[in-house]
């Protein structure tokens, strides 16, 4: 189930984001979370089963374009389709947007068999 990020999920979100290659140090993670909390065009969502196991961060761009900036799944839950479920939930919620991704997560998106334009 897709849930919107709240401040009470900060530590969980930072833990999930820390699995991303460009988010390895605490200073970077704090800045990323702060950006999602303060920039109205950036949105962070979590995927909850019994526990929170995945995260997706998006940025809404002009002309109805949505860019996936972050996508991460707890290693214990990988290869179970969670990243694909995160993507599909976002696609359904923002169905009138063109979805693109960053070069940093393009290979993970491709691994999930999701076809997106890379910015």
C-alpha atoms as a PDB file:
ATOM      1  CA  UNK A   1       0.000   0.000   0.000  1.00  0.00           C
ATOM      2  CA  UNK A   2       1.313   3.426  -1.000  1.00  0.00           C
ATOM      3  CA  UNK A   3       1.480   5.980   1.814  1.00  0.00           C
ATOM      4  CA  UNK A   4       2.646   9.585   1.768  1.00  0.00           C
ATOM      5  CA  UNK A   5       5.792  10.453   3.716  1.00  0.00           C
ATOM      6  CA  UNK A   6       5.361  12.186   7.074  1.00  0.00           C
ATOM      7  CA  UNK A   7       8.028  13.454   9.457  1.00  0.00           C
ATOM      8  CA  UNK A   8       7.357  10.486  11.771  1.00  0.00           C
ATOM      9  CA  UNK A   9       8.740   8.213   9.013  1.00  0.00           C
ATOM     10  CA  UNK A  10      12.002  10.162   8.708  1.00  0.00           C
ATOM     11  CA  UNK A  11      14.361   7.471  10.078  1.00  0.00           C
ATOM     12  CA  UNK A  12      12.713   4.721   8.023  1.00  0.00           C
ATOM     13  CA  UNK A  13      12.866   6.899   4.898  1.00  0.00           C
ATOM     14  CA  UNK A  14      16.523   7.718   5.499  1.00  0.00           C
ATOM     15  CA  UNK A  15      17.286   4.027   5.961  1.00  0.00           C
ATOM     16  CA  UNK A  16      15.622   3.096   2.679  1.00  0.00           C
ATOM     17  CA  UNK A  17      17.218   6.002   0.811  1.00  0.00           C
ATOM     18  CA  UNK A  18      20.643   4.979   2.156  1.00  0.00           C
ATOM     19  CA  UNK A  19      20.528   1.936  -0.152  1.00  0.00           C
ATOM     20  CA  UNK A  20      20.809   4.317  -3.114  1.00  0.00           C
ATOM     21  CA  UNK A  21      24.354   4.837  -4.426  1.00  0.00           C
ATOM     22  CA  UNK A  22      24.291   8.648  -4.149  1.00  0.00           C
ATOM     23  CA  UNK A  23      22.762   8.681  -0.668  1.00  0.00           C
ATOM     24  CA  UNK A  24      25.427   6.920   1.381  1.00  0.00           C
ATOM     25  CA  UNK A  25      26.355   9.653   3.870  1.00  0.00           C
ATOM     26  CA  UNK A  26      24.176  11.166   6.572  1.00  0.00           C
ATOM     27  CA  UNK A  27      24.608  14.762   5.385  1.00  0.00           C
ATOM     28  CA  UNK A  28      23.340  13.852   1.915  1.00  0.00           C
ATOM     29  CA  UNK A  29      20.393  11.935   3.385  1.00  0.00           C
ATOM     30  CA  UNK A  30      19.423  14.832   5.657  1.00  0.00           C
ATOM     31  CA  UNK A  31      19.540  17.238   2.691  1.00  0.00           C
ATOM     32  CA  UNK A  32      17.455  14.879   0.547  1.00  0.00           C
ATOM     33  CA  UNK A  33      14.782  14.488   3.241  1.00  0.00           C
ATOM     34  CA  UNK A  34      14.747  18.246   3.845  1.00  0.00           C
ATOM     35  CA  UNK A  35      14.262  18.807   0.111  1.00  0.00           C
ATOM     36  CA  UNK A  36      11.242  16.482   0.088  1.00  0.00           C
ATOM     37  CA  UNK A  37       9.820  18.226   3.167  1.00  0.00           C
ATOM     38  CA  UNK A  38      10.232  21.781   1.894  1.00  0.00           C
ATOM     39  CA  UNK A  39       9.919  21.696  -1.904  1.00  0.00           C
ATOM     40  CA  UNK A  40       6.251  21.524  -2.890  1.00  0.00           C
ATOM     41  CA  UNK A  41       7.124  19.896  -6.226  1.00  0.00           C
ATOM     42  CA  UNK A  42       8.925  16.975  -4.566  1.00  0.00           C
ATOM     43  CA  UNK A  43       6.968  14.115  -3.017  1.00  0.00           C
ATOM     44  CA  UNK A  44       8.096  11.051  -1.138  1.00  0.00           C
ATOM     45  CA  UNK A  45       5.984   7.912  -0.805  1.00  0.00           C
ATOM     46  CA  UNK A  46       6.533   4.724   1.147  1.00  0.00           C
ATOM     47  CA  UNK A  47       5.357   1.178   0.410  1.00  0.00           C
ATOM     48  CA  UNK A  48       3.887  -0.631   3.378  1.00  0.00           C
ATOM     49  CA  UNK A  49       3.192  -4.334   3.710  1.00  0.00           C
ATOM     50  CA  UNK A  50       3.298  -5.294   7.401  1.00  0.00           C
ATOM     51  CA  UNK A  51       6.308  -2.958   7.639  1.00  0.00           C
ATOM     52  CA  UNK A  52       7.536  -0.192   5.382  1.00  0.00           C
ATOM     53  CA  UNK A  53       9.717  -1.914   2.780  1.00  0.00           C
ATOM     54  CA  UNK A  54      10.133   0.525  -0.112  1.00  0.00           C
ATOM     55  CA  UNK A  55      10.328   4.187  -1.033  1.00  0.00           C
ATOM     56  CA  UNK A  56       9.828   6.294  -4.143  1.00  0.00           C
ATOM     57  CA  UNK A  57      10.652   9.970  -4.520  1.00  0.00           C
ATOM     58  CA  UNK A  58       9.230  12.041  -7.342  1.00  0.00           C
ATOM     59  CA  UNK A  59       9.463  15.574  -8.672  1.00  0.00           C
ATOM     60  CA  UNK A  60       6.617  17.220 -10.560  1.00  0.00           C
ATOM     61  CA  UNK A  61       7.976  19.202 -13.495  1.00  0.00           C
ATOM     62  CA  UNK A  62       6.277  21.650 -15.865  1.00  0.00           C
ATOM     63  CA  UNK A  63       4.052  20.356 -18.673  1.00  0.00           C
ATOM     64  CA  UNK A  64       2.723  17.404 -16.658  1.00  0.00           C
ATOM     65  CA  UNK A  65       6.059  15.593 -16.432  1.00  0.00           C
ATOM     66  CA  UNK A  66       6.885  13.493 -13.375  1.00  0.00           C
ATOM     67  CA  UNK A  67      10.488  12.493 -12.690  1.00  0.00           C
ATOM     68  CA  UNK A  68      11.288   9.540 -10.445  1.00  0.00           C
ATOM     69  CA  UNK A  69      14.297  10.717  -8.430  1.00  0.00           C
ATOM     70  CA  UNK A  70      14.569   7.918  -5.866  1.00  0.00           C
ATOM     71  CA  UNK A  71      13.429   4.318  -5.806  1.00  0.00           C
ATOM     72  CA  UNK A  72      14.628   1.833  -3.218  1.00  0.00           C
ATOM     73  CA  UNK A  73      13.496  -1.420  -1.633  1.00  0.00           C
ATOM     74  CA  UNK A  74      14.720  -3.031   1.571  1.00  0.00           C
ATOM     75  CA  UNK A  75      17.186  -5.773   0.487  1.00  0.00           C
ATOM     76  CA  UNK A  76      15.199  -8.408   2.398  1.00  0.00           C
ATOM     77  CA  UNK A  77      12.201  -7.708   0.147  1.00  0.00           C
ATOM     78  CA  UNK A  78      13.868  -7.384  -3.238  1.00  0.00           C
ATOM     79  CA  UNK A  79      12.825  -9.442  -6.268  1.00  0.00           C
ATOM     80  CA  UNK A  80       9.228  -9.531  -5.049  1.00  0.00           C
ATOM     81  CA  UNK A  81       7.851  -6.865  -7.394  1.00  0.00           C
ATOM     82  CA  UNK A  82       7.752  -4.083  -4.802  1.00  0.00           C
ATOM     83  CA  UNK A  83       9.568  -1.520  -6.976  1.00  0.00           C
ATOM     84  CA  UNK A  84       7.172  -2.288  -9.803  1.00  0.00           C
ATOM     85  CA  UNK A  85       4.229  -1.913  -7.422  1.00  0.00           C
ATOM     86  CA  UNK A  86       5.596   1.448  -6.262  1.00  0.00           C
ATOM     87  CA  UNK A  87       5.918   2.605  -9.854  1.00  0.00           C
ATOM     88  CA  UNK A  88       2.438   1.399 -10.810  1.00  0.00           C
ATOM     89  CA  UNK A  89       0.859   3.096  -7.780  1.00  0.00           C
ATOM     90  CA  UNK A  90       2.525   6.389  -8.754  1.00  0.00           C
ATOM     91  CA  UNK A  91       1.522   5.902 -12.397  1.00  0.00           C
ATOM     92  CA  UNK A  92      -2.088   5.365 -11.331  1.00  0.00           C
ATOM     93  CA  UNK A  93      -2.079   8.366  -9.013  1.00  0.00           C
ATOM     94  CA  UNK A  94      -0.510  10.651 -11.638  1.00  0.00           C
ATOM     95  CA  UNK A  95      -2.060   9.038 -14.722  1.00  0.00           C
ATOM     96  CA  UNK A  96      -2.087  12.249 -16.753  1.00  0.00           C
ATOM     97  CA  UNK A  97       1.681  12.777 -16.343  1.00  0.00           C
ATOM     98  CA  UNK A  98       4.531  11.637 -18.563  1.00  0.00           C
ATOM     99  CA  UNK A  99       6.925   9.718 -16.308  1.00  0.00           C
ATOM    100  CA  UNK A 100      10.698   9.910 -16.700  1.00  0.00           C
ATOM    101  CA  UNK A 101      13.610   8.954 -14.470  1.00  0.00           C
ATOM    102  CA  UNK A 102      17.141  10.065 -13.674  1.00  0.00           C
ATOM    103  CA  UNK A 103      20.248   8.416 -15.044  1.00  0.00           C
ATOM    104  CA  UNK A 104      21.217   7.401 -11.478  1.00  0.00           C
ATOM    105  CA  UNK A 105      18.315   4.970 -11.157  1.00  0.00           C
ATOM    106  CA  UNK A 106      17.801   4.079 -14.814  1.00  0.00           C
ATOM    107  CA  UNK A 107      19.447   0.647 -14.501  1.00  0.00           C
ATOM    108  CA  UNK A 108      17.281  -0.259 -11.501  1.00  0.00           C
ATOM    109  CA  UNK A 109      14.161   0.874 -13.381  1.00  0.00           C
ATOM    110  CA  UNK A 110      15.258  -1.243 -16.359  1.00  0.00           C
ATOM    111  CA  UNK A 111      15.923  -4.223 -14.060  1.00  0.00           C
ATOM    112  CA  UNK A 112      12.290  -3.934 -12.910  1.00  0.00           C
ATOM    113  CA  UNK A 113      11.246  -4.170 -16.573  1.00  0.00           C
ATOM    114  CA  UNK A 114       9.791  -0.666 -16.501  1.00  0.00           C
ATOM    115  CA  UNK A 115      10.337   1.282 -19.697  1.00  0.00           C
ATOM    116  CA  UNK A 116      10.884   5.001 -19.051  1.00  0.00           C
ATOM    117  CA  UNK A 117      12.646   7.893 -20.726  1.00  0.00           C
ATOM    118  CA  UNK A 118      15.869   8.812 -18.916  1.00  0.00           C
ATOM    119  CA  UNK A 119      16.609  12.467 -18.267  1.00  0.00           C
END
